[in-house]
């Protein structure tokens, strides 16, 4: 077999949801196909990963970016890929793209007989519109994002998704009615080695008076959702605990507005840019995921589950975690009443079940461990590469 070309949209050592996902898929491929995987990284930062064949797409100037957008191109890979393929294209049989963003290069791959698979980390159009940040060009290029997403669906040999919701949403939005067997859910899982992991004791009691929220605090989705907690749910927490509680909010690069909002509440502890997220939230007994918009899998819930913490999540963030909704320690809310009910249920459960942390960890490992996630992913890849 010729080699596999993996396109990554994030640095493989980036401590973010995207970095975690890209690294997990990379680990699976190099384990199954050693010495047969090359990586093209489109992310800005370099990668501290022990692997020989990395190619980095160079950045272009601000003026070049504007000119490229005016030409209808969303990413710099399109400009770089022709010369790369002219030199190396005949070395590859397969290409796996992390994100439909790069699907406008599928025809280039086809010219060299390379089959392409695309991993959809989100319903990309919605993600771009919900995250109006510089990295998404403030959501001003949805038509280019939609064009490339459509190209992925129509031209890729295989389309993989992290959640059933994203799969069904994308198939419906683009009216896909044929070759549905080429659309599969692989889910998400942790990398082979989690470098900043923290193995807390199964015997460590869950402190129901300490709650935690974590995520990229500079992201618009997370910021707006945390503000929603302050506006609509904070008083519910304060009333339930009669003011005797602590809410930890942890994540990267909180905005000045976020810092000011947290400082207004004496029970809130803001942890900006923690070295190790697991150690930062380990003493909490309840994990809250308030993100109420967007698509994809909210990977921060995995942090809470890995530590054996009961989850109280908005219904949007529950997508991709359907297998846990049958458990009393996984509570879903969509309004003030369901939030209050879910929080009371979790507090009662912690008081009654002294083995709860261990039970949650076990269920986490049954699905999100590298061993189990790798099995799902490689089953799809082996079928694709045959």
Protein backbone atom coordinates (compact mmCIF):
# COMPACT_ATOMS: atom_id res chain seq x y z
CA UNK A 1 0.00 0.00 0.00
CA UNK A 2 1.17 3.52 -0.77
CA UNK A 3 1.16 6.07 2.02
CA UNK A 4 -1.69 7.94 3.72
CA UNK A 5 -1.68 11.74 3.77
CA UNK A 6 -3.31 13.22 6.88
CA UNK A 7 -4.35 16.88 6.79
CA UNK A 8 -4.61 18.40 10.27
CA UNK A 9 -6.39 21.64 11.05
CA UNK A 10 -4.79 22.02 14.50
CA UNK A 11 -1.36 21.59 16.02
CA UNK A 12 -1.19 18.05 17.40
CA UNK A 13 0.09 19.27 20.77
CA UNK A 14 -2.49 22.04 21.17
CA UNK A 15 -4.46 21.72 24.41
CA UNK A 16 -7.85 22.34 22.85
CA UNK A 17 -10.78 20.34 21.58
CA UNK A 18 -9.48 20.48 18.02
CA UNK A 19 -5.96 19.56 19.05
CA UNK A 20 -7.23 16.61 21.08
CA UNK A 21 -9.34 15.30 18.20
CA UNK A 22 -6.60 15.66 15.59
CA UNK A 23 -4.07 13.93 17.86
CA UNK A 24 -6.38 10.98 18.57
CA UNK A 25 -6.94 10.27 14.87
CA UNK A 26 -3.22 10.71 14.17
CA UNK A 27 -2.34 8.22 16.93
CA UNK A 28 -4.73 5.64 15.49
CA UNK A 29 -3.33 5.94 11.99
CA UNK A 30 0.35 5.67 12.92
CA UNK A 31 -0.40 2.72 15.21
CA UNK A 32 -2.25 0.84 12.47
CA UNK A 33 -0.04 1.94 9.56
CA UNK A 34 3.46 2.59 10.96
CA UNK A 35 5.85 4.29 8.51
CA UNK A 36 2.97 4.89 6.09
CA UNK A 37 1.47 8.16 7.37
CA UNK A 38 2.61 11.65 6.39
CA UNK A 39 1.10 14.77 7.94
CA UNK A 40 0.34 18.15 6.41
CA UNK A 41 -0.36 20.67 9.16
CA UNK A 42 -2.26 23.83 8.27
CA UNK A 43 -2.24 25.22 11.82
CA UNK A 44 -0.04 28.19 12.69
CA UNK A 45 1.88 26.63 15.58
CA UNK A 46 4.50 23.93 15.22
CA UNK A 47 4.00 20.42 16.53
CA UNK A 48 6.11 18.76 19.19
CA UNK A 49 5.30 15.20 18.13
CA UNK A 50 7.78 12.38 17.53
CA UNK A 51 7.05 11.69 13.87
CA UNK A 52 9.36 11.97 10.88
CA UNK A 53 7.24 13.17 7.99
CA UNK A 54 5.57 16.48 8.82
CA UNK A 55 4.94 19.17 6.23
CA UNK A 56 3.90 22.65 7.35
CA UNK A 57 1.87 24.98 5.16
CA UNK A 58 3.58 28.38 5.41
CA UNK A 59 1.60 31.41 6.48
CA UNK A 60 0.83 34.17 4.01
CA UNK A 61 0.80 37.91 4.57
CA UNK A 62 -2.32 39.82 5.61
CA UNK A 63 -2.47 41.38 2.15
CA UNK A 64 -2.12 37.93 0.63
CA UNK A 65 -4.97 36.64 2.78
CA UNK A 66 -7.27 39.42 1.60
CA UNK A 67 -6.33 38.81 -2.03
CA UNK A 68 -6.89 35.09 -1.60
CA UNK A 69 -10.36 35.69 -0.14
CA UNK A 70 -11.25 38.00 -3.01
CA UNK A 71 -10.41 35.12 -5.31
CA UNK A 72 -12.92 32.98 -3.44
CA UNK A 73 -10.44 30.83 -1.54
CA UNK A 74 -10.84 30.27 2.17
CA UNK A 75 -7.51 28.72 3.17
CA UNK A 76 -3.86 28.78 2.16
CA UNK A 77 -3.65 25.02 1.56
CA UNK A 78 -5.28 25.54 -1.85
CA UNK A 79 -2.32 27.62 -2.98
CA UNK A 80 0.31 25.32 -1.48
CA UNK A 81 -1.05 21.90 -2.41
CA UNK A 82 -0.40 21.84 -6.22
CA UNK A 83 3.37 22.13 -5.85
CA UNK A 84 3.38 19.61 -3.00
CA UNK A 85 1.44 17.07 -5.05
CA UNK A 86 3.62 17.65 -8.10
CA UNK A 87 6.57 16.55 -5.99
CA UNK A 88 4.99 13.89 -3.74
CA UNK A 89 1.53 13.05 -5.12
CA UNK A 90 2.48 9.64 -6.53
CA UNK A 91 3.58 8.50 -3.06
CA UNK A 92 0.00 8.44 -1.69
CA UNK A 93 -3.07 6.27 -2.13
CA UNK A 94 -5.29 7.95 0.46
CA UNK A 95 -5.89 11.34 2.04
CA UNK A 96 -7.76 11.92 5.30
CA UNK A 97 -8.89 15.50 5.89
CA UNK A 98 -9.63 16.81 9.37
CA UNK A 99 -12.42 19.26 8.44
CA UNK A 100 -14.43 19.82 5.29
CA UNK A 101 -12.75 23.24 5.01
CA UNK A 102 -10.11 21.75 2.71
CA UNK A 103 -12.45 19.83 0.42
CA UNK A 104 -11.74 22.14 -2.51
CA UNK A 105 -8.45 20.22 -2.86
CA UNK A 106 -10.18 16.85 -3.41
CA UNK A 107 -10.02 17.21 -7.19
CA UNK A 108 -6.28 17.84 -6.90
CA UNK A 109 -5.98 14.57 -4.98
CA UNK A 110 -8.05 12.73 -7.57
CA UNK A 111 -5.69 13.81 -10.34
CA UNK A 112 -3.03 11.67 -8.64
CA UNK A 113 -5.38 8.76 -7.97
CA UNK A 114 -5.67 9.61 -4.27
CA UNK A 115 -8.93 8.64 -2.52
CA UNK A 116 -10.14 11.13 0.08
CA UNK A 117 -12.00 10.74 3.38
CA UNK A 118 -13.24 13.74 5.37
CA UNK A 119 -13.78 13.96 9.13
CA UNK A 120 -16.51 16.49 9.92
CA UNK A 121 -15.78 17.90 13.37
CA UNK A 122 -18.85 20.14 13.19
CA UNK A 123 -21.64 21.27 10.94
CA UNK A 124 -19.09 23.76 9.70
CA UNK A 125 -21.39 26.53 8.47
CA UNK A 126 -23.12 26.77 11.85
CA UNK A 127 -19.80 26.62 13.69
CA UNK A 128 -18.45 29.54 11.66
CA UNK A 129 -21.54 31.65 12.27
CA UNK A 130 -21.58 30.85 16.00
CA UNK A 131 -17.88 31.70 16.42
CA UNK A 132 -17.33 35.12 14.91
CA UNK A 133 -13.63 35.26 15.70
CA UNK A 134 -10.56 36.21 13.65
CA UNK A 135 -9.85 32.49 13.13
CA UNK A 136 -13.25 32.14 11.44
CA UNK A 137 -12.95 35.53 9.69
CA UNK A 138 -15.73 36.78 11.97
CA UNK A 139 -18.24 34.51 10.23
CA UNK A 140 -18.18 36.59 7.05
CA UNK A 141 -17.41 33.76 4.64
CA UNK A 142 -20.26 31.26 5.05
CA UNK A 143 -20.74 30.77 1.31
CA UNK A 144 -17.14 29.52 0.93
CA UNK A 145 -17.52 27.26 3.96
CA UNK A 146 -20.80 25.90 2.60
CA UNK A 147 -19.26 25.35 -0.84
CA UNK A 148 -16.40 23.30 0.60
CA UNK A 149 -18.69 21.34 2.90
CA UNK A 150 -20.84 20.44 -0.10
CA UNK A 151 -17.73 19.39 -2.04
CA UNK A 152 -16.77 17.05 0.78
CA UNK A 153 -20.19 15.41 0.74
CA UNK A 154 -20.28 15.01 -3.03
CA UNK A 155 -16.67 14.09 -3.79
CA UNK A 156 -15.14 12.34 -0.79
CA UNK A 157 -15.15 8.54 -0.78
CA UNK A 158 -16.00 8.57 2.93
CA UNK A 159 -17.51 11.16 5.29
CA UNK A 160 -17.02 10.60 9.03
CA UNK A 161 -18.75 12.45 11.87
CA UNK A 162 -18.25 12.90 15.60
CA UNK A 163 -21.96 12.84 16.45
CA UNK A 164 -25.12 11.34 15.03
CA UNK A 165 -26.72 14.79 15.25
CA UNK A 166 -24.09 16.34 12.96
CA UNK A 167 -24.41 13.49 10.49
CA UNK A 168 -28.20 13.77 10.28
CA UNK A 169 -28.11 17.58 10.20
CA UNK A 170 -25.56 17.76 7.39
CA UNK A 171 -27.24 15.05 5.31
CA UNK A 172 -30.56 16.88 5.68
CA UNK A 173 -29.21 20.39 4.98
CA UNK A 174 -27.50 19.26 1.78
CA UNK A 175 -30.26 16.87 0.68
CA UNK A 176 -27.99 13.83 0.52
CA UNK A 177 -30.09 10.81 -0.46
CA UNK A 178 -27.66 8.41 -2.14
CA UNK A 179 -24.58 6.48 -0.98
CA UNK A 180 -25.59 6.91 2.66
CA UNK A 181 -23.28 4.03 3.56
CA UNK A 182 -20.42 6.46 2.94
CA UNK A 183 -21.57 8.55 5.92
CA UNK A 184 -20.56 7.05 9.27
CA UNK A 185 -20.27 8.19 12.89
CA UNK A 186 -16.88 7.39 14.45
CA UNK A 187 -17.33 9.47 17.59
CA UNK A 188 -14.53 11.03 19.57
CA UNK A 189 -11.96 9.52 21.93
CA UNK A 190 -8.83 10.51 23.79
CA UNK A 191 -5.32 10.30 22.29
CA UNK A 192 -3.11 7.31 22.98
CA UNK A 193 -1.20 9.33 25.58
CA UNK A 194 -2.87 12.29 27.30
CA UNK A 195 0.14 14.44 28.19
CA UNK A 196 -1.57 16.63 30.80
CA UNK A 197 -3.76 13.90 32.28
CA UNK A 198 -4.27 13.54 36.00
CA UNK A 199 -5.34 10.26 37.56
CA UNK A 200 -7.33 11.19 40.63
CA UNK A 201 -8.27 8.56 43.16
CA UNK A 202 -11.51 6.65 42.72
CA UNK A 203 -11.94 7.03 46.47
CA UNK A 204 -11.78 10.84 46.37
CA UNK A 205 -15.19 11.99 47.58
CA UNK A 206 -17.24 14.18 45.26
CA UNK A 207 -17.72 17.61 46.81
CA UNK A 208 -21.18 18.64 45.65
CA UNK A 209 -20.59 22.21 46.87
CA UNK A 210 -17.86 22.80 44.29
CA UNK A 211 -18.99 23.11 40.67
CA UNK A 212 -16.82 23.54 37.57
CA UNK A 213 -17.15 25.01 34.10
CA UNK A 214 -14.22 24.87 31.68
CA UNK A 215 -13.49 25.64 28.06
CA UNK A 216 -11.85 28.15 25.77
CA UNK A 217 -12.98 31.34 27.48
CA UNK A 218 -12.02 33.45 24.48
CA UNK A 219 -14.44 31.53 22.26
CA UNK A 220 -17.72 33.29 21.57
CA UNK A 221 -19.78 30.14 22.17
CA UNK A 222 -18.31 29.54 25.62
CA UNK A 223 -18.31 33.19 26.67
CA UNK A 224 -21.95 33.77 25.77
CA UNK A 225 -22.96 30.51 27.42
CA UNK A 226 -21.14 31.35 30.67
CA UNK A 227 -22.83 34.75 30.70
CA UNK A 228 -26.12 32.89 30.28
CA UNK A 229 -25.30 30.96 33.47
CA UNK A 230 -24.78 34.21 35.37
CA UNK A 231 -27.98 35.71 34.00
CA UNK A 232 -30.37 32.76 34.32
CA UNK A 233 -28.94 30.02 36.52
CA UNK A 234 -26.50 31.46 39.06
CA UNK A 235 -29.28 32.44 41.45
CA UNK A 236 -30.66 28.89 41.29
CA UNK A 237 -27.28 27.53 42.40
CA UNK A 238 -26.98 30.13 45.16
CA UNK A 239 -30.47 29.37 46.45
CA UNK A 240 -29.98 25.59 46.47
CA UNK A 241 -26.76 25.86 48.48
CA UNK A 242 -27.90 28.84 50.58
CA UNK A 243 -24.82 30.67 49.34
CA UNK A 244 -22.40 27.98 50.55
CA UNK A 245 -20.76 26.87 47.29
CA UNK A 246 -17.87 27.57 44.92
CA UNK A 247 -18.05 27.79 41.13
CA UNK A 248 -14.73 27.27 39.32
CA UNK A 249 -14.56 28.73 35.80
CA UNK A 250 -11.37 27.65 34.04
CA UNK A 251 -10.01 28.07 30.53
CA UNK A 252 -7.80 29.85 28.06
CA UNK A 253 -7.60 33.59 27.52
CA UNK A 254 -10.70 34.96 29.26
CA UNK A 255 -11.78 38.33 27.92
CA UNK A 256 -11.82 41.44 30.09
CA UNK A 257 -15.59 41.19 30.10
CA UNK A 258 -15.38 37.61 31.40
CA UNK A 259 -12.92 38.60 34.14
CA UNK A 260 -15.14 41.49 35.22
CA UNK A 261 -18.25 39.30 35.27
CA UNK A 262 -16.55 36.64 37.42
CA UNK A 263 -15.19 39.26 39.82
CA UNK A 264 -18.74 40.44 40.49
CA UNK A 265 -19.55 37.14 42.26
CA UNK A 266 -17.71 36.22 45.45
CA UNK A 267 -18.45 32.50 45.05
CA UNK A 268 -16.79 32.36 41.62
CA UNK A 269 -13.12 31.44 41.18
CA UNK A 270 -11.68 32.21 37.74
CA UNK A 271 -8.70 30.07 36.69
CA UNK A 272 -7.16 31.60 33.57
CA UNK A 273 -4.85 29.50 31.38
CA UNK A 274 -4.34 26.63 33.84
CA UNK A 275 -1.27 24.46 33.31
CA UNK A 276 -3.30 21.30 33.83
CA UNK A 277 -7.07 21.45 33.48
CA UNK A 278 -7.59 18.14 35.25
CA UNK A 279 -5.79 19.30 38.40
CA UNK A 280 -7.63 22.61 38.24
CA UNK A 281 -11.13 21.11 38.35
CA UNK A 282 -10.38 17.85 40.17
CA UNK A 283 -11.70 19.02 43.54
CA UNK A 284 -15.08 19.89 42.03
CA UNK A 285 -17.96 17.48 42.46
CA UNK A 286 -20.25 18.61 39.62
CA UNK A 287 -19.32 19.53 36.06
CA UNK A 288 -21.51 22.04 34.21
CA UNK A 289 -21.38 22.43 30.43
CA UNK A 290 -23.51 25.47 29.58
CA UNK A 291 -22.72 25.79 25.84
CA UNK A 292 -26.08 26.33 24.19
CA UNK A 293 -25.20 26.82 20.53
CA UNK A 294 -23.12 25.28 17.76
CA UNK A 295 -22.58 21.71 16.66
CA UNK A 296 -19.92 19.05 17.02
CA UNK A 297 -18.94 17.28 20.22
CA UNK A 298 -18.31 19.46 23.29
CA UNK A 299 -15.05 17.83 24.28
CA UNK A 300 -14.79 19.51 27.67
CA UNK A 301 -17.53 17.20 28.96
CA UNK A 302 -14.96 14.44 28.47
CA UNK A 303 -12.78 16.16 31.10
CA UNK A 304 -15.55 15.91 33.67
CA UNK A 305 -16.37 12.30 32.82
CA UNK A 306 -12.71 11.27 32.89
CA UNK A 307 -12.47 12.62 36.44
CA UNK A 308 -15.64 10.78 37.44
CA UNK A 309 -17.80 13.89 37.88
CA UNK A 310 -21.59 14.00 37.40
CA UNK A 311 -22.58 16.17 34.44
CA UNK A 312 -25.18 18.93 34.21
CA UNK A 313 -25.27 20.02 30.57
CA UNK A 314 -27.35 22.12 28.24
CA UNK A 315 -29.24 19.97 25.74
CA UNK A 316 -27.14 21.32 22.84
CA UNK A 317 -23.94 20.10 24.50
CA UNK A 318 -25.49 16.69 25.22
CA UNK A 319 -25.22 15.80 21.52
CA UNK A 320 -22.72 13.01 21.05
CA UNK A 321 -23.24 11.80 24.61
CA UNK A 322 -26.58 10.10 24.01
CA UNK A 323 -25.32 6.83 25.51
CA UNK A 324 -25.12 8.54 28.93
CA UNK A 325 -28.59 10.05 29.07
CA UNK A 326 -29.95 6.91 30.74
CA UNK A 327 -27.77 7.56 33.81
CA UNK A 328 -28.95 9.73 36.69
CA UNK A 329 -25.50 11.33 36.90
CA UNK A 330 -25.93 12.81 33.41
CA UNK A 331 -28.57 15.53 33.66
CA UNK A 332 -29.71 17.64 30.70
CA UNK A 333 -31.38 21.05 30.94
CA UNK A 334 -32.91 23.60 28.57
CA UNK A 335 -34.55 26.07 30.96
CA UNK A 336 -34.49 27.21 34.58
CA UNK A 337 -36.80 24.47 35.81
CA UNK A 338 -34.85 21.61 34.22
CA UNK A 339 -31.57 23.14 35.44
CA UNK A 340 -32.83 23.27 39.02
CA UNK A 341 -34.23 19.74 38.81
CA UNK A 342 -31.03 18.38 37.31
CA UNK A 343 -28.83 20.02 39.93
CA UNK A 344 -31.00 18.73 42.80
CA UNK A 345 -30.94 15.22 41.31
CA UNK A 346 -27.15 15.22 41.12
CA UNK A 347 -26.72 16.54 44.67
CA UNK A 348 -29.03 13.80 45.98
CA UNK A 349 -27.19 11.14 43.98
CA UNK A 350 -23.80 12.21 45.35
CA UNK A 351 -25.15 11.93 48.89
CA UNK A 352 -26.53 8.42 48.26
CA UNK A 353 -23.82 6.80 46.11
CA UNK A 354 -20.32 6.67 47.58
CA UNK A 355 -19.00 4.78 44.53
CA UNK A 356 -20.30 7.27 41.98
CA UNK A 357 -16.92 8.59 40.84
CA UNK A 358 -15.68 5.11 39.97
CA UNK A 359 -18.90 4.23 38.12
CA UNK A 360 -18.66 7.34 35.93
CA UNK A 361 -14.99 6.70 35.13
CA UNK A 362 -15.83 3.16 34.06
CA UNK A 363 -18.55 4.34 31.69
CA UNK A 364 -16.19 6.98 30.28
CA UNK A 365 -13.52 4.40 29.50
CA UNK A 366 -16.06 2.10 27.87
CA UNK A 367 -16.51 4.62 25.07
CA UNK A 368 -13.92 7.41 25.10
CA UNK A 369 -10.75 5.49 25.94
CA UNK A 370 -8.19 5.25 23.16
CA UNK A 371 -8.61 1.48 23.00
CA UNK A 372 -12.34 1.64 22.28
CA UNK A 373 -12.32 4.77 20.14
CA UNK A 374 -9.40 3.50 18.09
CA UNK A 375 -11.31 0.30 17.36
CA UNK A 376 -14.27 2.27 15.93
CA UNK A 377 -12.12 4.60 13.85
CA UNK A 378 -9.77 1.99 12.40
CA UNK A 379 -12.70 -0.23 11.41
CA UNK A 380 -13.88 2.61 9.14
CA UNK A 381 -10.39 3.39 7.87
CA UNK A 382 -9.60 -0.24 7.02
CA UNK A 383 -12.78 -0.41 4.96
CA UNK A 384 -11.83 2.85 3.24
CA UNK A 385 -8.24 1.74 2.52
CA UNK A 386 -8.99 -1.73 1.16
